[in-house]
Amino acid sequence: MTVDTPSTIGAAPESLFALRSRTGVALVAATVLASMVAFLDAYMINVAVPAIGGDLHASVTDLQWVLTGYLITVAALLLLAGALADHFGRRRILVVGLLVMLVTSLGCAAAPTTGALIAARLAQGVGAALVVPSSLALLNGTLRGPDRARAIGVWAGLATLGTTFGPYGGGWLVDHASWRWVFLLNLPLIVGALLVLRIVPEVDLHRRPLSVDLLGGLLAVLGLGGVIYALTEGPASGWGDAYVLASAGVGSLCLAALVPVEQRRPRPMLRTSLFRSRQFDAINIATVLLYGALAATSYLIVLQCELRLGYTATEAGAALIPESVVFLLVSPLVGGLVARVGTRVPMAVGILLVAGGFAWLSTAEPGTRYAQTILPGAILWGLGIGLTVAPLTAGVLAAVDDSDLGEATAINDAASRVGGVVMIALVPVLLGAGGARDLTGPLADDYPAAMLVMAILCLAAAAITVLFVSHGRVPVSQLPTATPRVSACALPEPAAPGRTS
């Protein structure tokens, strides 16, 4: 799936809109709200996990599925959803995705059992898979060329502010109402996005022929789902359990078959020719490691705060706000640095700072003070990710031809999400949870070790960067104009002005 500039797919320049027009303002508002919905549904639930477990008498395995069910469907269907947006229209697919998320959010809030909650989360992920690629593509494809970069900057900044304080709001609802209200926090955002989208027209009038790679999508879903099932069920059922072994085998075979199958498809979901670039391969491997560590660390920190440090859900949701603030301050300054010194050094140094932050956070134990452990770790984390995101995205863009920018960024986005879902599934394994009913005991024994594993993953990502990412400078014109926030409650959506995934 390759997505080109709007003008190349049928939207005449005179049909596009200025950023400061009524349509432009509505467009930015709608895409900011839609992006916040997808981000918050992914990670705001972390603060509600202990409350859900207590209220529904859920096991560790059940809670893992509540977390990963959403992430699996988003990661597996992301590229497929982009093809649907190209054919049916970005605005239309965005509206459908938001409606799906509206209904499934209500289903999550009303779920009487963990089984019903898991089913609603899986369906919620389908809606998010439709929202994620279509929202930014709609922004890029509806505005005039000169306004796109500025609009992406506004979009990134506003979405960042919303997702920064989302976990805090979710924690407050858990403490003062119920965990069920966490799933309703997005309803005003969804309704607001749908209302302002009424002002936004569909401008890609001549759309691509429908080319949905159903076989590739099926292999991705079965492969990722099978592996995650094995990782989730293994600690409780035993690694020799027949269902665990079967799911691991089927999942591994499907993932192994994905590349050769896609090489033979006339219009594949995943165009494997992009992986002939050593830098492209290296950055995507580093992305899987880094963002997997980020997602798992966000979960571990919240659990440690609530279950062992005595924090309320509100306090746990606010614990990493300094990381977001530092990211916001640092990230806008990094583009010029990348233009001067290239991608390798800032990216490697940034990832090393993240590793240092995780190592520092590993010392957060009962009896330690927030200002001594979590705050310094969060600041290092924010500095590191602020340094990393721009060169990482620029490195992806520099590794492929201009005609492949949209697909390359989509693949990198999918890599970050796959890393996140796999590492969150591995959290009970790292904690040695086994058949434990909750994670309090395992955290007491293995939280520092699990955090150090996250730091080691970052060290591996930094090593890959040093060895395989080009040291060459990137022209300012090729730098990503805005880099959406990547932190405790959001995974990345790298974007290039003029192309999107």
Foldseek 3Di string as FASTA:
>chain_A
DFFFFLVVLAFDLVQAAACPDLQNVLLLLLLLLLQLLLLCCQFLCLLCLVQCCVVQVFFQLLSLLLNLLLLLLLLLCQLLLLLVCLAVNLLVLQLVLLVQLLVLLLQLLPPPHSVSNSVSSNSNSNSSSSNVFSSLSLSQRRHRQVRSLVSVAVSQVSSLVSLLCLSLVCLVCVVPPNNSCNSVVSVVSSVSSVVSSVSHDGRSPRGDDRDRPVLLSVLSSLQLVLCLVLLSCCLAPNNPDPSSVVSNVRNVVSVVVNVVVQPPDPDHSADCVLVVFLLLVLLLLLLLLQLLLQLQLLSLQSCCCVQFQPDRSSCSSNLLSLLSVLLVVQQVVQLVVLQVWNQLVLQLVLLLLLLVLLLQLLPDGHPDDSVRGSVVSSNSNSSSVSSNQFSSLLLQLVRDDPSRSAVSLSSSLSSSSSSNSVSSSNNCVQLSCRRPRDCSVSCVVGSSVSSNVSSVSSNVSSVSSNPGGDRDGDHSQSTRSHWRDRHSRRHTRGDHNRHHD
